[in-house]
Amino acid sequence: YLERGHQSFKRGRFKAAACLYSEALKGCAQQRSVDLDFEAEILRARCACWVELEKYGELLEDAERILASGSSLGGNSAESAKVAAEVNSWRRLAMEKLGRPPPPETPVAP
């Protein structure tokens, strides 16, 4: 589902991509052990879809889920910081569009 989601996103089929990423997350939920980094990767991809689709409630939910997961979000601290900034920017955008006050930045565990 993940690769098909990526292909749909590249083709501009954001709703289809979001659905495929949701299916990939369902697969993660059915596993006995979940790789948090892999799940965060899927959530980040789905966030990109929500931005394109202007689905800010869903964007906020996924961004907060990533930030709460404690995932390292990358292989090194520089990459993790970049990803954390991206996810925090999505969260700020969603809150702004939903008319909520901006949240404080949420650091991501190294």
C-alpha atoms as a PDB file:
ATOM      1  CA  TYR A   1       0.000   0.000   0.000  1.00  0.00           C
ATOM      2  CA  LEU A   2       2.811   2.384   0.824  1.00  0.00           C
ATOM      3  CA  GLU A   3       4.441   2.257  -2.601  1.00  0.00           C
ATOM      4  CA  ARG A   4       1.069   2.528  -4.352  1.00  0.00           C
ATOM      5  CA  GLY A   5       0.319   5.513  -2.140  1.00  0.00           C
ATOM      6  CA  HIS A   6       3.573   7.171  -3.174  1.00  0.00           C
ATOM      7  CA  GLN A   7       2.762   6.571  -6.845  1.00  0.00           C
ATOM      8  CA  SER A   8      -0.736   8.014  -6.466  1.00  0.00           C
ATOM      9  CA  PHE A   9       0.661  11.081  -4.711  1.00  0.00           C
ATOM     10  CA  LYS A  10       3.183  11.647  -7.506  1.00  0.00           C
ATOM     11  CA  ARG A  11       0.312  11.523 -10.012  1.00  0.00           C
ATOM     12  CA  GLY A  12      -1.632  14.142  -8.052  1.00  0.00           C
ATOM     13  CA  ARG A  13      -4.223  11.621  -6.867  1.00  0.00           C
ATOM     14  CA  PHE A  14      -4.087  12.819  -3.271  1.00  0.00           C
ATOM     15  CA  LYS A  15      -7.369  11.304  -2.068  1.00  0.00           C
ATOM     16  CA  ALA A  16      -6.421   7.876  -3.433  1.00  0.00           C
ATOM     17  CA  ALA A  17      -2.962   8.217  -1.884  1.00  0.00           C
ATOM     18  CA  ALA A  18      -4.450   9.118   1.506  1.00  0.00           C
ATOM     19  CA  CYS A  19      -6.672   6.025   1.342  1.00  0.00           C
ATOM     20  CA  LEU A  20      -3.715   3.811   0.466  1.00  0.00           C
ATOM     21  CA  TYR A  21      -1.668   5.258   3.329  1.00  0.00           C
ATOM     22  CA  SER A  22      -4.619   4.577   5.640  1.00  0.00           C
ATOM     23  CA  GLU A  23      -4.590   0.945   4.498  1.00  0.00           C
ATOM     24  CA  ALA A  24      -0.860   0.767   5.186  1.00  0.00           C
ATOM     25  CA  LEU A  25      -1.492   2.081   8.713  1.00  0.00           C
ATOM     26  CA  LYS A  26      -4.179  -0.565   9.231  1.00  0.00           C
ATOM     27  CA  GLY A  27      -1.561  -3.149   8.317  1.00  0.00           C
ATOM     28  CA  CYS A  28       0.781  -1.682  10.932  1.00  0.00           C
ATOM     29  CA  ALA A  29      -1.963  -1.871  13.543  1.00  0.00           C
ATOM     30  CA  GLN A  30      -2.434  -5.580  12.850  1.00  0.00           C
ATOM     31  CA  GLN A  31       1.231  -6.413  13.446  1.00  0.00           C
ATOM     32  CA  ARG A  32       2.391  -7.742  16.797  1.00  0.00           C
ATOM     33  CA  SER A  33       5.209  -5.226  16.914  1.00  0.00           C
ATOM     34  CA  VAL A  34       5.109  -1.889  15.166  1.00  0.00           C
ATOM     35  CA  ASP A  35       8.090  -0.013  13.794  1.00  0.00           C
ATOM     36  CA  LEU A  36       7.339   3.542  14.978  1.00  0.00           C
ATOM     37  CA  ASP A  37       9.646   5.077  12.382  1.00  0.00           C
ATOM     38  CA  PHE A  38       7.840   3.221   9.594  1.00  0.00           C
ATOM     39  CA  GLU A  39       4.453   4.250  10.951  1.00  0.00           C
ATOM     40  CA  ALA A  40       5.660   7.874  11.210  1.00  0.00           C
ATOM     41  CA  GLU A  41       6.835   7.689   7.576  1.00  0.00           C
ATOM     42  CA  ILE A  42       3.339   6.628   6.496  1.00  0.00           C
ATOM     43  CA  LEU A  43       1.734   9.340   8.616  1.00  0.00           C
ATOM     44  CA  ARG A  44       4.055  11.980   7.129  1.00  0.00           C
ATOM     45  CA  ALA A  45       3.088  10.882   3.634  1.00  0.00           C
ATOM     46  CA  ARG A  46      -0.585  11.063   4.564  1.00  0.00           C
ATOM     47  CA  CYS A  47      -0.046  14.536   6.064  1.00  0.00           C
ATOM     48  CA  ALA A  48       1.239  15.708   2.692  1.00  0.00           C
ATOM     49  CA  CYS A  49      -2.030  14.462   1.176  1.00  0.00           C
ATOM     50  CA  TRP A  50      -4.113  16.282   3.784  1.00  0.00           C
ATOM     51  CA  VAL A  51      -2.275  19.527   2.987  1.00  0.00           C
ATOM     52  CA  GLU A  52      -3.063  19.141  -0.720  1.00  0.00           C
ATOM     53  CA  LEU A  53      -6.686  18.219   0.027  1.00  0.00           C
ATOM     54  CA  GLU A  54      -7.025  21.026   2.598  1.00  0.00           C
ATOM     55  CA  LYS A  55      -8.234  18.493   5.199  1.00  0.00           C
ATOM     56  CA  TYR A  56      -6.939  20.353   8.228  1.00  0.00           C
ATOM     57  CA  GLY A  57      -8.663  18.296  10.935  1.00  0.00           C
ATOM     58  CA  GLU A  58      -7.051  15.148   9.582  1.00  0.00           C
ATOM     59  CA  LEU A  59      -3.736  16.958   9.158  1.00  0.00           C
ATOM     60  CA  LEU A  60      -3.768  18.085  12.783  1.00  0.00           C
ATOM     61  CA  GLU A  61      -4.642  14.593  14.012  1.00  0.00           C
ATOM     62  CA  ASP A  62      -1.827  12.937  12.055  1.00  0.00           C
ATOM     63  CA  ALA A  63       0.755  15.607  12.905  1.00  0.00           C
ATOM     64  CA  GLU A  64      -0.014  15.288  16.608  1.00  0.00           C
ATOM     65  CA  ARG A  65       0.116  11.510  16.326  1.00  0.00           C
ATOM     66  CA  ILE A  66       3.610  11.723  14.830  1.00  0.00           C
ATOM     67  CA  LEU A  67       4.814  14.133  17.492  1.00  0.00           C
ATOM     68  CA  ALA A  68       3.329  12.019  20.299  1.00  0.00           C
ATOM     69  CA  SER A  69       4.836   8.783  18.973  1.00  0.00           C
ATOM     70  CA  GLY A  70       8.334   9.557  20.184  1.00  0.00           C
ATOM     71  CA  SER A  71       9.657   8.285  16.866  1.00  0.00           C
ATOM     72  CA  SER A  72      13.120   9.499  15.939  1.00  0.00           C
ATOM     73  CA  LEU A  73      11.730  10.497  12.522  1.00  0.00           C
ATOM     74  CA  GLY A  74      14.998   9.964  10.782  1.00  0.00           C
ATOM     75  CA  GLY A  75      18.398   8.395  10.855  1.00  0.00           C
ATOM     76  CA  ASN A  76      20.326  11.249  12.474  1.00  0.00           C
ATOM     77  CA  SER A  77      19.681  14.279  14.642  1.00  0.00           C
ATOM     78  CA  ALA A  78      19.875  16.759  11.734  1.00  0.00           C
ATOM     79  CA  GLU A  79      17.314  14.765   9.767  1.00  0.00           C
ATOM     80  CA  SER A  80      15.129  14.368  12.861  1.00  0.00           C
ATOM     81  CA  ALA A  81      15.203  18.129  13.450  1.00  0.00           C
ATOM     82  CA  LYS A  82      14.211  18.773   9.826  1.00  0.00           C
ATOM     83  CA  VAL A  83      11.317  16.326  10.041  1.00  0.00           C
ATOM     84  CA  ALA A  84      10.189  17.727  13.403  1.00  0.00           C
ATOM     85  CA  ALA A  85      10.153  21.230  11.895  1.00  0.00           C
ATOM     86  CA  GLU A  86       8.077  19.974   8.968  1.00  0.00           C
ATOM     87  CA  VAL A  87       5.563  18.217  11.228  1.00  0.00           C
ATOM     88  CA  ASN A  88       5.347  21.227  13.561  1.00  0.00           C
ATOM     89  CA  SER A  89       4.707  23.487  10.549  1.00  0.00           C
ATOM     90  CA  TRP A  90       1.868  21.195   9.441  1.00  0.00           C
ATOM     91  CA  ARG A  91       0.413  21.319  12.932  1.00  0.00           C
ATOM     92  CA  ARG A  92       0.610  25.137  12.994  1.00  0.00           C
ATOM     93  CA  LEU A  93      -1.023  25.342   9.550  1.00  0.00           C
ATOM     94  CA  ALA A  94      -3.851  23.042  10.600  1.00  0.00           C
ATOM     95  CA  MET A  95      -4.478  24.940  13.815  1.00  0.00           C
ATOM     96  CA  GLU A  96      -4.454  28.257  11.972  1.00  0.00           C
ATOM     97  CA  LYS A  97      -6.928  27.006   9.354  1.00  0.00           C
ATOM     98  CA  LEU A  98      -9.138  25.527  12.098  1.00  0.00           C
ATOM     99  CA  GLY A  99      -9.098  28.830  13.995  1.00  0.00           C
ATOM    100  CA  ARG A 100      -7.209  27.493  17.003  1.00  0.00           C
ATOM    101  CA  PRO A 101      -4.394  29.263  18.837  1.00  0.00           C
ATOM    102  CA  PRO A 102      -0.910  28.208  17.700  1.00  0.00           C
ATOM    103  CA  PRO A 103       0.687  25.495  19.815  1.00  0.00           C
ATOM    104  CA  PRO A 104       4.182  25.562  21.267  1.00  0.00           C
ATOM    105  CA  GLU A 105       6.808  23.694  19.248  1.00  0.00           C
ATOM    106  CA  THR A 106       6.982  20.029  20.180  1.00  0.00           C
ATOM    107  CA  PRO A 107      10.505  18.615  20.225  1.00  0.00           C
ATOM    108  CA  VAL A 108      10.982  15.129  18.894  1.00  0.00           C
ATOM    109  CA  ALA A 109      12.985  12.597  20.852  1.00  0.00           C
ATOM    110  CA  PRO A 110      16.514  12.102  19.421  1.00  0.00           C
END
